[in-house]
């Protein structure tokens, strides 16, 4: 039975989304092909019809996760041109800090695994991160009162938020998690 191109694209999207959730939840080393196919509701044959390897699926999930973050920021900047950053910081250090790990942001949840992966995945990550930095930078104010270039402030903002979410998720004490989030949010907004 031959499937239509639309069906194949839908299946691929379903597999990429499921892979993103599984890799965020279990990490690259903890996620096997069986877990990926089960989460996507497809067979091994369907998985290998879209990806040559687990590594290729991981690379695709990482790029898709960073693209999702970039598109979310872009949409927020369009909806709230003047107040997008406080809204983003609040959401990122609120919901994205407390949601299920499989639904968390790809930046803090997958970056450590990217460091340990193949050069092709690291190149793809780097390229997508550069697009993300540029997207954040275009929404930051520029002026004499802020001497640091916008792109540098975008890097600092993303690093601060990513590190903050990572620390806040890792601690077992909810009060400490909240304290980390509040301190990081205040610094992220102060430094731009």
Protein backbone atom coordinates (compact mmCIF):
# COMPACT_ATOMS: atom_id res chain seq x y z
CA UNK A 1 0.00 0.00 0.00
CA UNK A 2 1.42 3.37 -1.02
CA UNK A 3 0.78 6.37 1.16
CA UNK A 4 0.20 9.89 -0.12
CA UNK A 5 2.84 12.59 0.33
CA UNK A 6 0.51 14.32 2.79
CA UNK A 7 0.23 11.14 4.90
CA UNK A 8 4.01 10.74 4.87
CA UNK A 9 4.49 14.36 5.97
CA UNK A 10 1.94 13.95 8.76
CA UNK A 11 3.64 10.77 9.94
CA UNK A 12 7.06 12.44 9.88
CA UNK A 13 5.72 15.40 11.87
CA UNK A 14 4.18 13.00 14.39
CA UNK A 15 7.47 11.11 14.75
CA UNK A 16 9.50 14.34 15.14
CA UNK A 17 7.11 15.66 17.81
CA UNK A 18 7.16 12.36 19.68
CA UNK A 19 10.95 12.13 19.41
CA UNK A 20 11.26 15.64 20.83
CA UNK A 21 9.14 14.68 23.83
CA UNK A 22 11.00 11.40 24.43
CA UNK A 23 14.48 12.96 24.05
CA UNK A 24 13.54 15.79 26.43
CA UNK A 25 12.17 13.31 28.96
CA UNK A 26 14.77 10.56 28.72
CA UNK A 27 17.81 12.20 27.15
CA UNK A 28 19.56 10.88 24.07
CA UNK A 29 21.09 7.92 25.90
CA UNK A 30 17.85 6.93 27.59
CA UNK A 31 15.70 6.99 24.46
CA UNK A 32 15.82 3.93 22.25
CA UNK A 33 14.14 3.38 18.90
CA UNK A 34 11.40 1.33 20.58
CA UNK A 35 10.52 4.23 22.89
CA UNK A 36 10.49 6.65 19.96
CA UNK A 37 8.25 4.48 17.80
CA UNK A 38 5.91 3.69 20.70
CA UNK A 39 5.53 7.39 21.56
CA UNK A 40 4.79 8.21 17.91
CA UNK A 41 2.48 5.23 17.46
CA UNK A 42 4.41 3.95 14.44
CA UNK A 43 6.31 0.80 13.55
CA UNK A 44 10.09 0.52 13.34
CA UNK A 45 9.69 0.34 9.57
CA UNK A 46 7.79 3.64 9.54
CA UNK A 47 10.47 5.21 11.72
CA UNK A 48 13.27 4.07 9.42
CA UNK A 49 11.22 5.26 6.46
CA UNK A 50 11.80 8.78 7.76
CA UNK A 51 15.16 8.58 9.55
CA UNK A 52 18.31 6.57 8.91
CA UNK A 53 19.21 6.48 12.59
CA UNK A 54 18.37 7.57 16.10
CA UNK A 55 21.03 10.26 15.69
CA UNK A 56 19.24 11.72 12.68
CA UNK A 57 15.93 11.71 14.58
CA UNK A 58 17.63 13.48 17.50
CA UNK A 59 19.14 16.12 15.22
CA UNK A 60 15.75 16.72 13.62
CA UNK A 61 14.03 16.95 17.03
CA UNK A 62 16.64 19.42 18.30
CA UNK A 63 16.29 21.67 15.27
CA UNK A 64 12.49 21.45 15.45
CA UNK A 65 12.55 22.34 19.16
CA UNK A 66 14.75 25.40 18.64
CA UNK A 67 12.66 26.42 15.63
CA UNK A 68 9.52 26.14 17.78
CA UNK A 69 11.09 28.45 20.37
CA UNK A 70 12.15 30.95 17.68
CA UNK A 71 8.71 30.95 16.08
CA UNK A 72 7.09 31.44 19.48
CA UNK A 73 9.30 34.45 20.18
CA UNK A 74 8.60 35.84 16.72
CA UNK A 75 4.84 35.52 17.23
CA UNK A 76 5.04 37.10 20.69
CA UNK A 77 7.04 40.03 19.30
CA UNK A 78 4.33 40.54 16.66
CA UNK A 79 1.50 40.35 19.21
CA UNK A 80 3.22 42.51 21.84
CA UNK A 81 5.93 44.60 20.17
CA UNK A 82 6.65 46.67 23.29
CA UNK A 83 6.05 44.16 26.07
CA UNK A 84 7.06 40.84 24.56
CA UNK A 85 10.16 40.28 26.69
CA UNK A 86 8.55 40.41 30.16
CA UNK A 87 5.78 38.13 28.88
CA UNK A 88 8.33 35.71 27.43
CA UNK A 89 10.52 35.70 30.55
CA UNK A 90 7.49 35.10 32.77
CA UNK A 91 6.26 32.23 30.60
CA UNK A 92 9.70 30.70 30.24
CA UNK A 93 10.50 30.79 33.95
CA UNK A 94 6.92 29.90 34.87
CA UNK A 95 5.21 27.34 32.67
CA UNK A 96 8.33 26.09 30.85
CA UNK A 97 10.02 25.59 34.23
CA UNK A 98 7.14 23.64 35.75
CA UNK A 99 5.61 21.70 32.84
CA UNK A 100 6.31 18.03 32.24
CA UNK A 101 9.92 17.57 31.14
CA UNK A 102 8.81 16.06 27.82
CA UNK A 103 6.99 19.34 27.05
CA UNK A 104 9.81 21.59 28.22
CA UNK A 105 11.92 23.84 26.03
CA UNK A 106 14.50 22.14 23.83
CA UNK A 107 17.20 24.67 24.71
CA UNK A 108 17.80 23.64 28.33
CA UNK A 109 16.58 20.05 28.00
CA UNK A 110 18.56 18.98 24.91
CA UNK A 111 21.69 21.17 24.88
CA UNK A 112 23.71 18.90 27.17
CA UNK A 113 23.05 15.95 24.86
CA UNK A 114 24.01 18.03 21.83
CA UNK A 115 27.45 18.56 23.38
CA UNK A 116 27.99 14.79 23.32
CA UNK A 117 26.72 14.13 19.82
CA UNK A 118 28.10 14.08 16.30
CA UNK A 119 29.53 17.12 14.47
CA UNK A 120 26.57 17.27 12.06
CA UNK A 121 24.10 17.66 14.94
CA UNK A 122 26.30 20.28 16.59
CA UNK A 123 26.46 22.23 13.31
CA UNK A 124 22.68 22.09 12.92
CA UNK A 125 22.23 23.19 16.55
CA UNK A 126 24.69 26.05 16.10
CA UNK A 127 22.93 27.27 12.97
CA UNK A 128 19.50 27.16 14.60
CA UNK A 129 20.83 28.82 17.77
CA UNK A 130 22.23 31.65 15.65
CA UNK A 131 18.76 32.15 14.12
CA UNK A 132 17.28 32.18 17.63
CA UNK A 133 19.83 34.74 18.85
CA UNK A 134 19.05 36.97 15.87
CA UNK A 135 15.30 36.71 16.54
CA UNK A 136 15.71 37.71 20.17
CA UNK A 137 18.16 40.50 19.27
CA UNK A 138 15.76 42.19 16.86
CA UNK A 139 13.29 42.61 19.70
CA UNK A 140 15.70 44.23 22.14
CA UNK A 141 16.06 47.99 22.46
CA UNK A 142 19.03 49.70 20.94
CA UNK A 143 20.39 52.94 22.30
CA UNK A 144 23.15 54.84 24.02
CA UNK A 145 21.85 53.88 27.49
CA UNK A 146 22.64 50.22 26.75
CA UNK A 147 26.25 49.93 25.52
CA UNK A 148 26.24 46.17 24.91
CA UNK A 149 25.25 45.21 21.35
CA UNK A 150 21.76 43.69 20.98
CA UNK A 151 23.10 40.32 19.76
CA UNK A 152 25.35 40.02 22.80
CA UNK A 153 22.40 40.87 25.08
CA UNK A 154 20.33 38.23 23.27
CA UNK A 155 23.01 35.62 23.95
CA UNK A 156 23.17 36.65 27.61
CA UNK A 157 19.38 36.56 27.92
CA UNK A 158 19.09 33.09 26.40
CA UNK A 159 21.98 31.78 28.50
CA UNK A 160 20.52 33.25 31.68
CA UNK A 161 17.04 31.86 31.03
CA UNK A 162 18.35 28.44 29.99
CA UNK A 163 20.62 28.17 33.01
CA UNK A 164 17.89 29.44 35.30
CA UNK A 165 15.36 26.90 34.07
CA UNK A 166 17.95 24.13 34.34
CA UNK A 167 18.81 24.96 37.95
CA UNK A 168 15.20 25.57 38.96
CA UNK A 169 14.10 22.23 37.46
CA UNK A 170 16.96 20.31 39.06
CA UNK A 171 16.33 21.28 42.68
CA UNK A 172 13.90 19.30 44.83
CA UNK A 173 12.81 22.29 46.91
CA UNK A 174 9.88 24.17 45.29
CA UNK A 175 10.67 27.34 47.25
CA UNK A 176 14.26 27.34 46.00
CA UNK A 177 13.05 26.67 42.45
CA UNK A 178 10.73 29.69 42.67
CA UNK A 179 13.50 31.82 44.17
CA UNK A 180 15.86 30.91 41.31
CA UNK A 181 13.16 31.75 38.77
CA UNK A 182 12.42 35.15 40.34
CA UNK A 183 16.09 36.12 40.58
CA UNK A 184 16.79 35.04 36.99
CA UNK A 185 13.71 36.85 35.69
CA UNK A 186 14.71 40.08 37.43
CA UNK A 187 18.25 39.89 36.06
CA UNK A 188 17.11 38.97 32.56
CA UNK A 189 14.85 42.02 32.42
CA UNK A 190 17.36 44.33 34.08
CA UNK A 191 20.21 43.47 31.72
CA UNK A 192 18.44 44.23 28.43
